Amino acid sequence: MRIETVKEENRIILKVEGRIDTNTSKEFQSELLLAFQKQNEVAADLKDVDYVSSAGLRAMLIAYKTAESKKGSFILRNVQGAVREVLNMSGFSKFIQIED
């Protein structure tokens, strides 16, 4: 997995590439929390992510709860096929904002 951090006006975008699984979810979570230390609005661009495990979902849940506690926002962008299906089946798409 590779993560590039980009600052956009009032939001930090994490451009993620690869898989978010047991081996990479801690790094993903750390990058999300680091972004929230700098900004209240964070987005994860998942255009180049083809797999998210339950460990990845956990990192997203922590990011969502962090955003809520800071009265900020956590958004997922460019969610592709299998990852969107996982978000829908797990119910995450009901509470995490997804932009195309």
N, C-alpha and C. Protein backbone atom coordinates (compact mmCIF):
# COMPACT_ATOMS: atom_id res chain seq x y z
N MET A 1 0.84 -1.18 0.00
CA MET A 1 0.00 0.00 0.00
C MET A 1 0.89 1.24 0.00
N ARG A 2 0.43 2.25 -0.71
CA ARG A 2 1.11 3.54 -0.78
C ARG A 2 0.10 4.63 -0.49
N ILE A 3 0.48 5.65 0.29
CA ILE A 3 -0.41 6.76 0.61
C ILE A 3 0.29 8.08 0.30
N GLU A 4 -0.38 8.90 -0.49
CA GLU A 4 0.11 10.25 -0.78
C GLU A 4 -0.84 11.23 -0.12
N THR A 5 -0.29 12.18 0.62
CA THR A 5 -1.11 13.18 1.31
C THR A 5 -1.10 14.48 0.52
N VAL A 6 -2.30 14.99 0.24
CA VAL A 6 -2.46 16.21 -0.55
C VAL A 6 -3.36 17.17 0.24
N LYS A 7 -2.95 18.43 0.33
CA LYS A 7 -3.77 19.45 1.02
C LYS A 7 -4.60 20.18 -0.02
N GLU A 8 -5.91 20.25 0.22
CA GLU A 8 -6.84 20.96 -0.67
C GLU A 8 -7.64 21.92 0.18
N GLU A 9 -7.44 23.21 0.03
CA GLU A 9 -8.15 24.23 0.79
C GLU A 9 -8.31 23.83 2.26
N ASN A 10 -9.52 23.43 2.68
CA ASN A 10 -9.77 23.09 4.08
C ASN A 10 -9.82 21.59 4.33
N ARG A 11 -9.24 20.81 3.44
CA ARG A 11 -9.34 19.35 3.55
C ARG A 11 -8.01 18.70 3.21
N ILE A 12 -7.72 17.62 3.88
CA ILE A 12 -6.56 16.79 3.53
C ILE A 12 -7.08 15.56 2.81
N ILE A 13 -6.47 15.25 1.67
CA ILE A 13 -6.83 14.08 0.87
C ILE A 13 -5.72 13.05 0.99
N LEU A 14 -6.09 11.84 1.36
CA LEU A 14 -5.12 10.73 1.37
C LEU A 14 -5.41 9.89 0.13
N LYS A 15 -4.48 9.92 -0.81
CA LYS A 15 -4.62 9.11 -2.03
C LYS A 15 -3.98 7.76 -1.75
N VAL A 16 -4.82 6.75 -1.68
CA VAL A 16 -4.37 5.42 -1.28
C VAL A 16 -4.27 4.53 -2.51
N GLU A 17 -3.21 3.73 -2.54
CA GLU A 17 -2.98 2.81 -3.66
C GLU A 17 -2.64 1.44 -3.08
N GLY A 18 -3.34 0.41 -3.55
CA GLY A 18 -3.05 -0.95 -3.09
C GLY A 18 -4.20 -1.52 -2.28
N ARG A 19 -3.86 -2.43 -1.38
CA ARG A 19 -4.86 -3.10 -0.55
C ARG A 19 -4.83 -2.55 0.87
N ILE A 20 -6.01 -2.43 1.47
CA ILE A 20 -6.09 -2.05 2.88
C ILE A 20 -6.54 -3.31 3.61
N ASP A 21 -5.56 -3.99 4.19
CA ASP A 21 -5.83 -5.27 4.84
C ASP A 21 -5.12 -5.33 6.18
N THR A 22 -5.04 -6.50 6.76
CA THR A 22 -4.42 -6.68 8.07
C THR A 22 -2.99 -6.14 8.10
N ASN A 23 -2.26 -6.31 7.01
CA ASN A 23 -0.86 -5.88 6.96
C ASN A 23 -0.69 -4.38 6.80
N THR A 24 -1.68 -3.70 6.24
CA THR A 24 -1.53 -2.28 5.93
C THR A 24 -2.48 -1.36 6.69
N SER A 25 -3.47 -1.92 7.37
CA SER A 25 -4.50 -1.09 8.00
C SER A 25 -3.96 -0.19 9.11
N LYS A 26 -2.94 -0.64 9.82
CA LYS A 26 -2.36 0.20 10.89
C LYS A 26 -1.72 1.45 10.31
N GLU A 27 -1.03 1.30 9.19
CA GLU A 27 -0.43 2.46 8.53
C GLU A 27 -1.53 3.40 8.02
N PHE A 28 -2.58 2.83 7.43
CA PHE A 28 -3.71 3.62 6.94
C PHE A 28 -4.35 4.39 8.10
N GLN A 29 -4.60 3.70 9.20
CA GLN A 29 -5.19 4.34 10.38
C GLN A 29 -4.29 5.45 10.92
N SER A 30 -3.01 5.20 11.00
CA SER A 30 -2.06 6.21 11.50
C SER A 30 -2.07 7.45 10.62
N GLU A 31 -2.09 7.26 9.30
CA GLU A 31 -2.11 8.39 8.37
C GLU A 31 -3.42 9.18 8.50
N LEU A 32 -4.53 8.47 8.69
CA LEU A 32 -5.81 9.15 8.89
C LEU A 32 -5.80 9.99 10.15
N LEU A 33 -5.33 9.42 11.25
CA LEU A 33 -5.31 10.14 12.52
C LEU A 33 -4.34 11.32 12.48
N LEU A 34 -3.22 11.15 11.80
CA LEU A 34 -2.26 12.24 11.63
C LEU A 34 -2.91 13.38 10.84
N ALA A 35 -3.66 13.04 9.81
CA ALA A 35 -4.36 14.05 9.01
C ALA A 35 -5.37 14.81 9.87
N PHE A 36 -6.07 14.09 10.74
CA PHE A 36 -7.06 14.74 11.61
C PHE A 36 -6.41 15.64 12.66
N GLN A 37 -5.15 15.42 12.96
CA GLN A 37 -4.44 16.32 13.88
C GLN A 37 -4.18 17.67 13.21
N LYS A 38 -4.11 17.66 11.88
CA LYS A 38 -3.81 18.88 11.13
C LYS A 38 -5.06 19.57 10.61
N GLN A 39 -6.12 18.81 10.38
CA GLN A 39 -7.31 19.34 9.71
C GLN A 39 -8.55 18.58 10.21
N ASN A 40 -9.70 19.26 10.26
CA ASN A 40 -10.94 18.60 10.70
C ASN A 40 -11.67 17.88 9.57
N GLU A 41 -11.28 18.16 8.34
CA GLU A 41 -11.91 17.51 7.19
C GLU A 41 -10.86 16.68 6.45
N VAL A 42 -11.15 15.37 6.37
CA VAL A 42 -10.21 14.44 5.73
C VAL A 42 -10.99 13.56 4.76
N ALA A 43 -10.38 13.32 3.61
CA ALA A 43 -10.97 12.41 2.63
C ALA A 43 -9.94 11.36 2.25
N ALA A 44 -10.42 10.15 2.01
CA ALA A 44 -9.57 9.08 1.51
C ALA A 44 -9.99 8.80 0.07
N ASP A 45 -9.07 8.99 -0.87
CA ASP A 45 -9.33 8.71 -2.27
C ASP A 45 -8.95 7.26 -2.52
N LEU A 46 -9.95 6.43 -2.80
CA LEU A 46 -9.72 4.99 -2.93
C LEU A 46 -9.76 4.52 -4.38
N LYS A 47 -9.49 5.43 -5.32
CA LYS A 47 -9.54 5.08 -6.74
C LYS A 47 -8.65 3.89 -7.07
N ASP A 48 -7.49 3.80 -6.42
CA ASP A 48 -6.53 2.74 -6.72
C ASP A 48 -6.49 1.66 -5.63
N VAL A 49 -7.61 1.50 -4.93
CA VAL A 49 -7.73 0.46 -3.91
C VAL A 49 -8.71 -0.58 -4.42
N ASP A 50 -8.27 -1.85 -4.47
CA ASP A 50 -9.14 -2.89 -4.99
C ASP A 50 -9.61 -3.87 -3.91
N TYR A 51 -9.16 -3.66 -2.66
CA TYR A 51 -9.55 -4.58 -1.59
C TYR A 51 -9.48 -3.88 -0.23
N VAL A 52 -10.52 -4.08 0.58
CA VAL A 52 -10.53 -3.60 1.95
C VAL A 52 -11.02 -4.74 2.84
N SER A 53 -10.22 -5.09 3.84
CA SER A 53 -10.59 -6.14 4.78
C SER A 53 -11.33 -5.53 5.98
N SER A 54 -11.72 -6.38 6.91
CA SER A 54 -12.37 -5.88 8.13
C SER A 54 -11.43 -4.98 8.92
N ALA A 55 -10.14 -5.21 8.85
CA ALA A 55 -9.17 -4.34 9.52
C ALA A 55 -9.18 -2.95 8.89
N GLY A 56 -9.34 -2.90 7.57
CA GLY A 56 -9.45 -1.62 6.88
C GLY A 56 -10.73 -0.89 7.24
N LEU A 57 -11.83 -1.65 7.37
CA LEU A 57 -13.09 -1.05 7.79
C LEU A 57 -12.97 -0.47 9.19
N ARG A 58 -12.26 -1.17 10.05
CA ARG A 58 -12.05 -0.68 11.42
C ARG A 58 -11.33 0.67 11.40
N ALA A 59 -10.30 0.80 10.56
CA ALA A 59 -9.57 2.07 10.44
C ALA A 59 -10.50 3.18 9.96
N MET A 60 -11.39 2.85 9.02
CA MET A 60 -12.36 3.83 8.53
C MET A 60 -13.35 4.24 9.62
N LEU A 61 -13.77 3.27 10.42
CA LEU A 61 -14.69 3.56 11.52
C LEU A 61 -14.03 4.49 12.53
N ILE A 62 -12.78 4.25 12.84
CA ILE A 62 -12.05 5.12 13.76
C ILE A 62 -11.94 6.53 13.18
N ALA A 63 -11.67 6.63 11.88
CA ALA A 63 -11.59 7.94 11.23
C ALA A 63 -12.95 8.65 11.30
N TYR A 64 -14.01 7.92 11.04
CA TYR A 64 -15.36 8.49 11.10
C TYR A 64 -15.66 9.02 12.50
N LYS A 65 -15.36 8.23 13.51
CA LYS A 65 -15.62 8.64 14.90
C LYS A 65 -14.73 9.82 15.30
N THR A 66 -13.51 9.85 14.80
CA THR A 66 -12.61 10.98 15.06
C THR A 66 -13.19 12.24 14.45
N ALA A 67 -13.68 12.15 13.22
CA ALA A 67 -14.28 13.30 12.55
C ALA A 67 -15.48 13.81 13.34
N GLU A 68 -16.33 12.89 13.78
CA GLU A 68 -17.50 13.29 14.57
C GLU A 68 -17.10 14.01 15.84
N SER A 69 -16.08 13.50 16.52
CA SER A 69 -15.67 14.10 17.79
C SER A 69 -15.08 15.50 17.60
N LYS A 70 -14.53 15.75 16.41
CA LYS A 70 -13.94 17.06 16.11
C LYS A 70 -14.91 17.97 15.36
N LYS A 71 -16.14 17.48 15.19
CA LYS A 71 -17.15 18.20 14.40
C LYS A 71 -16.63 18.48 12.99
N GLY A 72 -15.94 17.49 12.44
CA GLY A 72 -15.38 17.58 11.10
C GLY A 72 -16.08 16.61 10.17
N SER A 73 -15.35 16.15 9.17
CA SER A 73 -15.93 15.18 8.23
C SER A 73 -14.87 14.20 7.75
N PHE A 74 -15.34 12.99 7.45
CA PHE A 74 -14.52 11.96 6.84
C PHE A 74 -15.28 11.47 5.62
N ILE A 75 -14.64 11.59 4.46
CA ILE A 75 -15.29 11.25 3.19
C ILE A 75 -14.44 10.24 2.44
N LEU A 76 -15.10 9.32 1.78
CA LEU A 76 -14.42 8.39 0.88
C LEU A 76 -14.71 8.85 -0.55
N ARG A 77 -13.67 8.90 -1.36
CA ARG A 77 -13.80 9.33 -2.76
C ARG A 77 -13.44 8.20 -3.70
N ASN A 78 -14.07 8.21 -4.87
CA ASN A 78 -13.71 7.32 -5.98
C ASN A 78 -13.64 5.85 -5.56
N VAL A 79 -14.65 5.41 -4.84
CA VAL A 79 -14.69 4.02 -4.36
C VAL A 79 -15.08 3.12 -5.53
N GLN A 80 -14.25 2.11 -5.79
CA GLN A 80 -14.44 1.22 -6.93
C GLN A 80 -15.17 -0.08 -6.54
N GLY A 81 -15.69 -0.76 -7.53
CA GLY A 81 -16.42 -2.02 -7.48
C GLY A 81 -16.45 -2.83 -6.21
N ALA A 82 -15.45 -3.68 -6.00
CA ALA A 82 -15.44 -4.61 -4.88
C ALA A 82 -15.41 -3.88 -3.54
N VAL A 83 -14.71 -2.77 -3.48
CA VAL A 83 -14.63 -2.00 -2.23
C VAL A 83 -15.99 -1.38 -1.92
N ARG A 84 -16.66 -0.85 -2.92
CA ARG A 84 -18.00 -0.29 -2.72
C ARG A 84 -18.97 -1.39 -2.24
N GLU A 85 -18.83 -2.57 -2.79
CA GLU A 85 -19.68 -3.69 -2.39
C GLU A 85 -19.46 -4.03 -0.91
N VAL A 86 -18.20 -4.04 -0.48
CA VAL A 86 -17.89 -4.31 0.93
C VAL A 86 -18.50 -3.23 1.82
N LEU A 87 -18.40 -1.97 1.41
CA LEU A 87 -18.97 -0.87 2.20
C LEU A 87 -20.49 -0.98 2.27
N ASN A 88 -21.11 -1.38 1.18
CA ASN A 88 -22.57 -1.55 1.17
C ASN A 88 -23.00 -2.73 2.04
N MET A 89 -22.32 -3.87 1.89
CA MET A 89 -22.69 -5.07 2.64
C MET A 89 -22.46 -4.90 4.14
N SER A 90 -21.45 -4.15 4.52
CA SER A 90 -21.14 -3.95 5.93
C SER A 90 -21.98 -2.84 6.56
N GLY A 91 -22.70 -2.07 5.74
CA GLY A 91 -23.51 -0.98 6.23
C GLY A 91 -22.76 0.34 6.37
N PHE A 92 -21.47 0.34 6.05
CA PHE A 92 -20.66 1.56 6.19
C PHE A 92 -21.15 2.66 5.26
N SER A 93 -21.69 2.29 4.10
CA SER A 93 -22.15 3.30 3.15
C SER A 93 -23.37 4.06 3.66
N LYS A 94 -23.97 3.59 4.75
CA LYS A 94 -25.12 4.28 5.33
C LYS A 94 -24.70 5.45 6.22
N PHE A 95 -23.45 5.42 6.71
CA PHE A 95 -23.06 6.52 7.60
C PHE A 95 -21.78 7.25 7.18
N ILE A 96 -20.97 6.65 6.33
CA ILE A 96 -19.79 7.34 5.82
C ILE A 96 -20.12 7.92 4.46
N GLN A 97 -19.86 9.20 4.28
CA GLN A 97 -20.16 9.88 3.01
C GLN A 97 -19.22 9.36 1.94
N ILE A 98 -19.81 9.02 0.78
CA ILE A 98 -19.03 8.53 -0.36
C ILE A 98 -19.28 9.46 -1.55
N GLU A 99 -18.18 10.00 -2.10
CA GLU A 99 -18.25 10.86 -3.29
C GLU A 99 -17.66 10.12 -4.47
N ASP A 100 -18.23 10.36 -5.65
CA ASP A 100 -17.68 9.76 -6.87
C ASP A 100 -16.78 10.72 -7.59
